[in-house]
Amino acid sequence: MQVTIVIPTYKRPAYLDRLLECIDKQTFDDIEVIIVDDNSPNTEEYEVVRKKYENKFHNFLFIRNKKHRGACYSRNVGIKRSKNNLIAFILI
């Protein structure tokens, strides 16, 4: 059974890095990770984090909103892209 973790984020690439490191250390490895960047201005920092983790998970998706819409909107974007019925939400 696979679980999707939806992570809306805005202006917090360092927190995202720490969170993904923690998720990567979990013993349960059938995880889909969907990150929705809510149009943060620091795109270069997010790109570094994305590249660091994109190959560590079986299913990894990084989405960037075209404009800042808020956490609820970003969470719904992640839900729509999820492939699973079990979804965990983390807000950073």
C-alpha atoms as a PDB file:
ATOM      1  CA  MET A   1       0.000   0.000   0.000  1.00  0.00           C
ATOM      2  CA  GLN A   2       1.464   3.326  -1.050  1.00  0.00           C
ATOM      3  CA  VAL A   3       1.078   6.624   0.804  1.00  0.00           C
ATOM      4  CA  THR A   4       1.267  10.078  -0.722  1.00  0.00           C
ATOM      5  CA  ILE A   5       2.807  12.914   1.270  1.00  0.00           C
ATOM      6  CA  VAL A   6       1.628  16.318   0.045  1.00  0.00           C
ATOM      7  CA  ILE A   7       3.857  19.216   1.082  1.00  0.00           C
ATOM      8  CA  PRO A   8       2.757  22.768   0.275  1.00  0.00           C
ATOM      9  CA  THR A   9       5.651  25.167   0.800  1.00  0.00           C
ATOM     10  CA  TYR A  10       6.425  28.864   0.526  1.00  0.00           C
ATOM     11  CA  LYS A  11       9.779  30.562   1.186  1.00  0.00           C
ATOM     12  CA  ARG A  12      11.147  27.649   3.252  1.00  0.00           C
ATOM     13  CA  PRO A  13      13.640  25.620   1.228  1.00  0.00           C
ATOM     14  CA  ALA A  14      15.825  24.889   4.282  1.00  0.00           C
ATOM     15  CA  TYR A  15      12.844  23.422   6.169  1.00  0.00           C
ATOM     16  CA  LEU A  16      11.869  21.439   3.089  1.00  0.00           C
ATOM     17  CA  ASP A  17      15.377  20.003   2.883  1.00  0.00           C
ATOM     18  CA  ARG A  18      15.244  18.893   6.529  1.00  0.00           C
ATOM     19  CA  LEU A  19      11.772  17.423   6.087  1.00  0.00           C
ATOM     20  CA  LEU A  20      12.717  15.427   2.993  1.00  0.00           C
ATOM     21  CA  GLU A  21      15.812  14.132   4.772  1.00  0.00           C
ATOM     22  CA  CYS A  22      13.578  12.885   7.589  1.00  0.00           C
ATOM     23  CA  ILE A  23      11.107  11.285   5.179  1.00  0.00           C
ATOM     24  CA  ASP A  24      13.991   9.585   3.367  1.00  0.00           C
ATOM     25  CA  LYS A  25      15.103   7.947   6.638  1.00  0.00           C
ATOM     26  CA  GLN A  26      11.731   6.278   7.222  1.00  0.00           C
ATOM     27  CA  THR A  27      11.670   2.486   7.119  1.00  0.00           C
ATOM     28  CA  PHE A  28       8.426   2.495   5.129  1.00  0.00           C
ATOM     29  CA  ASP A  29       9.631   3.235   1.624  1.00  0.00           C
ATOM     30  CA  ASP A  30       6.514   2.964  -0.547  1.00  0.00           C
ATOM     31  CA  ILE A  31       6.015   6.731  -0.474  1.00  0.00           C
ATOM     32  CA  GLU A  32       4.949   9.183  -3.130  1.00  0.00           C
ATOM     33  CA  VAL A  33       6.163  12.725  -2.362  1.00  0.00           C
ATOM     34  CA  ILE A  34       4.413  15.700  -3.929  1.00  0.00           C
ATOM     35  CA  ILE A  35       5.799  19.152  -3.181  1.00  0.00           C
ATOM     36  CA  VAL A  36       3.809  22.198  -4.238  1.00  0.00           C
ATOM     37  CA  ASP A  37       5.825  25.416  -4.170  1.00  0.00           C
ATOM     38  CA  ASP A  38       3.390  28.304  -3.857  1.00  0.00           C
ATOM     39  CA  ASN A  39       5.406  30.556  -6.190  1.00  0.00           C
ATOM     40  CA  SER A  40       8.242  31.298  -3.771  1.00  0.00           C
ATOM     41  CA  PRO A  41      10.683  33.991  -4.906  1.00  0.00           C
ATOM     42  CA  ASN A  42      13.739  31.851  -4.025  1.00  0.00           C
ATOM     43  CA  THR A  43      13.470  29.395  -6.929  1.00  0.00           C
ATOM     44  CA  GLU A  44      17.196  28.639  -7.081  1.00  0.00           C
ATOM     45  CA  GLU A  45      17.234  27.344  -3.508  1.00  0.00           C
ATOM     46  CA  TYR A  46      14.212  25.143  -4.174  1.00  0.00           C
ATOM     47  CA  GLU A  47      15.862  23.806  -7.315  1.00  0.00           C
ATOM     48  CA  VAL A  48      18.861  22.657  -5.255  1.00  0.00           C
ATOM     49  CA  VAL A  49      16.548  20.797  -2.855  1.00  0.00           C
ATOM     50  CA  ARG A  50      14.548  19.277  -5.723  1.00  0.00           C
ATOM     51  CA  LYS A  51      17.668  17.941  -7.422  1.00  0.00           C
ATOM     52  CA  LYS A  52      18.980  16.531  -4.148  1.00  0.00           C
ATOM     53  CA  TYR A  53      15.871  14.411  -3.490  1.00  0.00           C
ATOM     54  CA  GLU A  54      14.212  13.696  -6.833  1.00  0.00           C
ATOM     55  CA  ASN A  55      15.953  10.314  -7.179  1.00  0.00           C
ATOM     56  CA  LYS A  56      15.621   9.248  -3.537  1.00  0.00           C
ATOM     57  CA  PHE A  57      11.910   8.441  -3.754  1.00  0.00           C
ATOM     58  CA  HIS A  58      10.117   6.049  -6.117  1.00  0.00           C
ATOM     59  CA  ASN A  59       7.553   8.726  -6.925  1.00  0.00           C
ATOM     60  CA  PHE A  60       8.631  12.347  -6.532  1.00  0.00           C
ATOM     61  CA  LEU A  61       6.852  15.339  -8.006  1.00  0.00           C
ATOM     62  CA  PHE A  62       7.751  19.010  -7.611  1.00  0.00           C
ATOM     63  CA  ILE A  63       5.063  21.445  -8.750  1.00  0.00           C
ATOM     64  CA  ARG A  64       5.341  25.229  -8.802  1.00  0.00           C
ATOM     65  CA  ASN A  65       2.194  27.362  -8.778  1.00  0.00           C
ATOM     66  CA  LYS A  66       2.129  30.110 -11.413  1.00  0.00           C
ATOM     67  CA  LYS A  67       1.195  32.634  -8.720  1.00  0.00           C
ATOM     68  CA  HIS A  68       0.947  32.697  -4.931  1.00  0.00           C
ATOM     69  CA  ARG A  69      -2.414  31.116  -4.013  1.00  0.00           C
ATOM     70  CA  GLY A  70      -2.003  29.925  -0.409  1.00  0.00           C
ATOM     71  CA  ALA A  71      -1.573  26.625   1.394  1.00  0.00           C
ATOM     72  CA  CYS A  72      -5.124  25.324   0.827  1.00  0.00           C
ATOM     73  CA  TYR A  73      -4.895  25.812  -2.927  1.00  0.00           C
ATOM     74  CA  SER A  74      -1.445  24.182  -3.001  1.00  0.00           C
ATOM     75  CA  ARG A  75      -2.663  21.253  -0.932  1.00  0.00           C
ATOM     76  CA  ASN A  76      -5.533  20.683  -3.382  1.00  0.00           C
ATOM     77  CA  VAL A  77      -3.088  20.767  -6.311  1.00  0.00           C
ATOM     78  CA  GLY A  78      -1.131  17.986  -4.606  1.00  0.00           C
ATOM     79  CA  ILE A  79      -4.269  15.939  -3.915  1.00  0.00           C
ATOM     80  CA  LYS A  80      -5.314  16.127  -7.566  1.00  0.00           C
ATOM     81  CA  ARG A  81      -1.912  14.840  -8.700  1.00  0.00           C
ATOM     82  CA  SER A  82      -1.766  12.012  -6.138  1.00  0.00           C
ATOM     83  CA  LYS A  83      -1.944   8.431  -7.362  1.00  0.00           C
ATOM     84  CA  ASN A  84      -3.041   7.007  -3.999  1.00  0.00           C
ATOM     85  CA  ASN A  85      -5.991   6.913  -1.623  1.00  0.00           C
ATOM     86  CA  LEU A  86      -3.895   7.417   1.513  1.00  0.00           C
ATOM     87  CA  ILE A  87      -2.671  11.004   1.716  1.00  0.00           C
ATOM     88  CA  ALA A  88      -0.665  12.641   4.498  1.00  0.00           C
ATOM     89  CA  PHE A  89      -0.345  16.409   4.697  1.00  0.00           C
ATOM     90  CA  ILE A  90       2.642  18.325   5.950  1.00  0.00           C
ATOM     91  CA  LEU A  91       2.730  22.110   5.934  1.00  0.00           C
ATOM     92  CA  ILE A  92       6.040  23.897   6.180  1.00  0.00           C
END
